[in-house]
Amino acid sequence: MIPAATYIYGLLASITGAFGALFLKKGAHGLTLRRPVNFKIIGGGFLYAFATVFFVLGLKDAPLSFFYPFTSLLYIFAALLGFFVLRERVNRYKVFGICCIVVGIILNSVGR
């Protein structure tokens, strides 16, 4: 049985990674050849590193074949942040892709 803390680590890794992607996206708008780094890029990298810590903690008590697909929730959180924060469009194909991710996570969990 996988401990509850492992699921929490997976959620934290996914959410933190999604915010890392958001910061990298926002920081990318200010990039130039003269100024290749800004605080948003650094913050995004820091958040990705922090997400990796949660990922490693989750791997401690869960098989990789379960935990890695579970952290694909990152893509769902990133899509939600893109929609709500960046005002990106969400079409039916994106919704279908998100549904596929959710179904995959459920099937992977049931197959344990």
C-alpha atoms as a PDB file:
ATOM      1  CA  MET A   1       0.000   0.000   0.000  1.00  0.00           C
ATOM      2  CA  ILE A   2       1.237   3.433  -0.946  1.00  0.00           C
ATOM      3  CA  PRO A   3       1.297   5.918   1.969  1.00  0.00           C
ATOM      4  CA  ALA A   4      -0.926   9.010   1.775  1.00  0.00           C
ATOM      5  CA  ALA A   5       2.153  11.240   2.029  1.00  0.00           C
ATOM      6  CA  THR A   6       3.322   9.881  -1.326  1.00  0.00           C
ATOM      7  CA  TYR A   7       0.159  11.174  -3.011  1.00  0.00           C
ATOM      8  CA  ILE A   8       0.675  14.540  -1.334  1.00  0.00           C
ATOM      9  CA  TYR A   9       4.273  14.659  -2.600  1.00  0.00           C
ATOM     10  CA  GLY A  10       3.002  13.876  -6.095  1.00  0.00           C
ATOM     11  CA  LEU A  11       0.444  16.669  -5.945  1.00  0.00           C
ATOM     12  CA  LEU A  12       3.008  19.111  -4.585  1.00  0.00           C
ATOM     13  CA  ALA A  13       5.501  18.131  -7.291  1.00  0.00           C
ATOM     14  CA  SER A  14       2.842  18.613  -9.975  1.00  0.00           C
ATOM     15  CA  ILE A  15       1.551  21.941  -8.673  1.00  0.00           C
ATOM     16  CA  THR A  16       5.032  23.349  -8.025  1.00  0.00           C
ATOM     17  CA  GLY A  17       6.192  22.210 -11.462  1.00  0.00           C
ATOM     18  CA  ALA A  18       3.166  23.840 -13.107  1.00  0.00           C
ATOM     19  CA  PHE A  19       3.935  27.138 -11.403  1.00  0.00           C
ATOM     20  CA  GLY A  20       7.547  26.730 -12.519  1.00  0.00           C
ATOM     21  CA  ALA A  21       6.333  26.425 -16.104  1.00  0.00           C
ATOM     22  CA  LEU A  22       4.149  29.502 -15.636  1.00  0.00           C
ATOM     23  CA  PHE A  23       7.097  31.561 -14.395  1.00  0.00           C
ATOM     24  CA  LEU A  24       9.284  30.356 -17.274  1.00  0.00           C
ATOM     25  CA  LYS A  25       6.572  31.302 -19.770  1.00  0.00           C
ATOM     26  CA  LYS A  26       6.125  34.751 -18.243  1.00  0.00           C
ATOM     27  CA  GLY A  27       9.889  35.233 -18.066  1.00  0.00           C
ATOM     28  CA  ALA A  28      10.344  34.211 -21.695  1.00  0.00           C
ATOM     29  CA  HIS A  29       8.514  37.346 -22.829  1.00  0.00           C
ATOM     30  CA  GLY A  30      11.284  39.549 -21.457  1.00  0.00           C
ATOM     31  CA  LEU A  31      14.216  37.613 -22.929  1.00  0.00           C
ATOM     32  CA  THR A  32      16.685  39.232 -25.295  1.00  0.00           C
ATOM     33  CA  LEU A  33      20.192  38.326 -26.368  1.00  0.00           C
ATOM     34  CA  ARG A  34      21.511  41.100 -24.159  1.00  0.00           C
ATOM     35  CA  ARG A  35      19.441  39.980 -21.179  1.00  0.00           C
ATOM     36  CA  PRO A  36      19.041  36.178 -21.370  1.00  0.00           C
ATOM     37  CA  VAL A  37      17.951  35.785 -17.739  1.00  0.00           C
ATOM     38  CA  ASN A  38      15.441  37.584 -15.549  1.00  0.00           C
ATOM     39  CA  PHE A  39      13.879  37.016 -12.145  1.00  0.00           C
ATOM     40  CA  LYS A  40      10.919  35.099 -13.568  1.00  0.00           C
ATOM     41  CA  ILE A  41      13.245  32.655 -15.342  1.00  0.00           C
ATOM     42  CA  ILE A  42      15.241  32.189 -12.145  1.00  0.00           C
ATOM     43  CA  GLY A  43      12.025  31.731 -10.150  1.00  0.00           C
ATOM     44  CA  GLY A  44      10.744  29.154 -12.647  1.00  0.00           C
ATOM     45  CA  GLY A  45      13.988  27.204 -12.409  1.00  0.00           C
ATOM     46  CA  PHE A  46      13.841  27.349  -8.617  1.00  0.00           C
ATOM     47  CA  LEU A  47      10.263  26.049  -8.621  1.00  0.00           C
ATOM     48  CA  TYR A  48      11.212  23.193 -10.955  1.00  0.00           C
ATOM     49  CA  ALA A  49      14.082  22.299  -8.614  1.00  0.00           C
ATOM     50  CA  PHE A  50      11.711  22.403  -5.653  1.00  0.00           C
ATOM     51  CA  ALA A  51       9.262  20.172  -7.559  1.00  0.00           C
ATOM     52  CA  THR A  52      12.097  17.696  -8.061  1.00  0.00           C
ATOM     53  CA  VAL A  53      12.574  17.485  -4.287  1.00  0.00           C
ATOM     54  CA  PHE A  54       8.895  16.525  -3.869  1.00  0.00           C
ATOM     55  CA  PHE A  55       9.241  14.046  -6.733  1.00  0.00           C
ATOM     56  CA  VAL A  56      12.210  12.317  -5.118  1.00  0.00           C
ATOM     57  CA  LEU A  57      10.442  12.193  -1.744  1.00  0.00           C
ATOM     58  CA  GLY A  58       7.456  10.552  -3.423  1.00  0.00           C
ATOM     59  CA  LEU A  59       9.653   7.988  -5.134  1.00  0.00           C
ATOM     60  CA  LYS A  60      10.884   6.820  -1.751  1.00  0.00           C
ATOM     61  CA  ASP A  61       7.715   4.807  -1.035  1.00  0.00           C
ATOM     62  CA  ALA A  62       6.151   4.286  -4.463  1.00  0.00           C
ATOM     63  CA  PRO A  63       7.150   2.368  -7.564  1.00  0.00           C
ATOM     64  CA  LEU A  64       8.370   4.514 -10.448  1.00  0.00           C
ATOM     65  CA  SER A  65       5.782   2.895 -12.743  1.00  0.00           C
ATOM     66  CA  PHE A  66       3.042   4.333 -10.534  1.00  0.00           C
ATOM     67  CA  PHE A  67       4.495   7.612  -9.333  1.00  0.00           C
ATOM     68  CA  TYR A  68       5.802   9.015 -12.607  1.00  0.00           C
ATOM     69  CA  PRO A  69       2.420   8.770 -14.393  1.00  0.00           C
ATOM     70  CA  PHE A  70       0.746  10.224 -11.286  1.00  0.00           C
ATOM     71  CA  THR A  71       2.882  13.340 -11.575  1.00  0.00           C
ATOM     72  CA  SER A  72       1.503  13.894 -15.079  1.00  0.00           C
ATOM     73  CA  LEU A  73      -1.085  15.923 -13.204  1.00  0.00           C
ATOM     74  CA  LEU A  74       1.460  18.679 -13.821  1.00  0.00           C
ATOM     75  CA  TYR A  75       0.142  18.978 -17.386  1.00  0.00           C
ATOM     76  CA  ILE A  76      -3.398  19.482 -16.129  1.00  0.00           C
ATOM     77  CA  PHE A  77      -2.336  22.139 -13.628  1.00  0.00           C
ATOM     78  CA  ALA A  78      -0.220  23.850 -16.303  1.00  0.00           C
ATOM     79  CA  ALA A  79      -3.203  23.928 -18.670  1.00  0.00           C
ATOM     80  CA  LEU A  80      -5.385  25.412 -15.936  1.00  0.00           C
ATOM     81  CA  LEU A  81      -2.783  28.076 -15.146  1.00  0.00           C
ATOM     82  CA  GLY A  82      -2.479  28.842 -18.842  1.00  0.00           C
ATOM     83  CA  PHE A  83      -6.221  29.304 -19.082  1.00  0.00           C
ATOM     84  CA  PHE A  84      -6.791  31.302 -15.893  1.00  0.00           C
ATOM     85  CA  VAL A  85      -3.551  33.317 -15.649  1.00  0.00           C
ATOM     86  CA  LEU A  86      -2.322  33.652 -19.230  1.00  0.00           C
ATOM     87  CA  ARG A  87      -5.805  33.674 -20.821  1.00  0.00           C
ATOM     88  CA  GLU A  88      -4.846  30.912 -23.246  1.00  0.00           C
ATOM     89  CA  ARG A  89      -7.607  29.322 -25.273  1.00  0.00           C
ATOM     90  CA  VAL A  90      -8.770  25.826 -24.412  1.00  0.00           C
ATOM     91  CA  ASN A  91     -10.388  23.921 -27.247  1.00  0.00           C
ATOM     92  CA  ARG A  92     -12.017  20.517 -27.310  1.00  0.00           C
ATOM     93  CA  TYR A  93      -8.763  18.790 -28.222  1.00  0.00           C
ATOM     94  CA  LYS A  94      -7.053  20.127 -25.126  1.00  0.00           C
ATOM     95  CA  VAL A  95     -10.020  19.080 -22.993  1.00  0.00           C
ATOM     96  CA  PHE A  96      -9.883  15.623 -24.572  1.00  0.00           C
ATOM     97  CA  GLY A  97      -6.149  15.414 -23.843  1.00  0.00           C
ATOM     98  CA  ILE A  98      -6.709  16.370 -20.218  1.00  0.00           C
ATOM     99  CA  CYS A  99      -9.429  13.719 -19.962  1.00  0.00           C
ATOM    100  CA  CYS A 100      -7.010  11.140 -21.383  1.00  0.00           C
ATOM    101  CA  ILE A 101      -4.445  12.056 -18.737  1.00  0.00           C
ATOM    102  CA  VAL A 102      -7.039  11.666 -15.969  1.00  0.00           C
ATOM    103  CA  VAL A 103      -8.205   8.309 -17.343  1.00  0.00           C
ATOM    104  CA  GLY A 104      -4.589   7.138 -17.623  1.00  0.00           C
ATOM    105  CA  ILE A 105      -3.872   8.068 -14.011  1.00  0.00           C
ATOM    106  CA  ILE A 106      -7.012   6.262 -12.850  1.00  0.00           C
ATOM    107  CA  LEU A 107      -6.209   3.144 -14.864  1.00  0.00           C
ATOM    108  CA  ASN A 108      -2.640   3.145 -13.584  1.00  0.00           C
ATOM    109  CA  SER A 109      -3.910   3.435  -9.992  1.00  0.00           C
ATOM    110  CA  VAL A 110      -6.533   0.694 -10.375  1.00  0.00           C
ATOM    111  CA  GLY A 111      -3.986  -1.632 -11.943  1.00  0.00           C
ATOM    112  CA  ARG A 112      -1.863  -1.611  -8.794  1.00  0.00           C
END
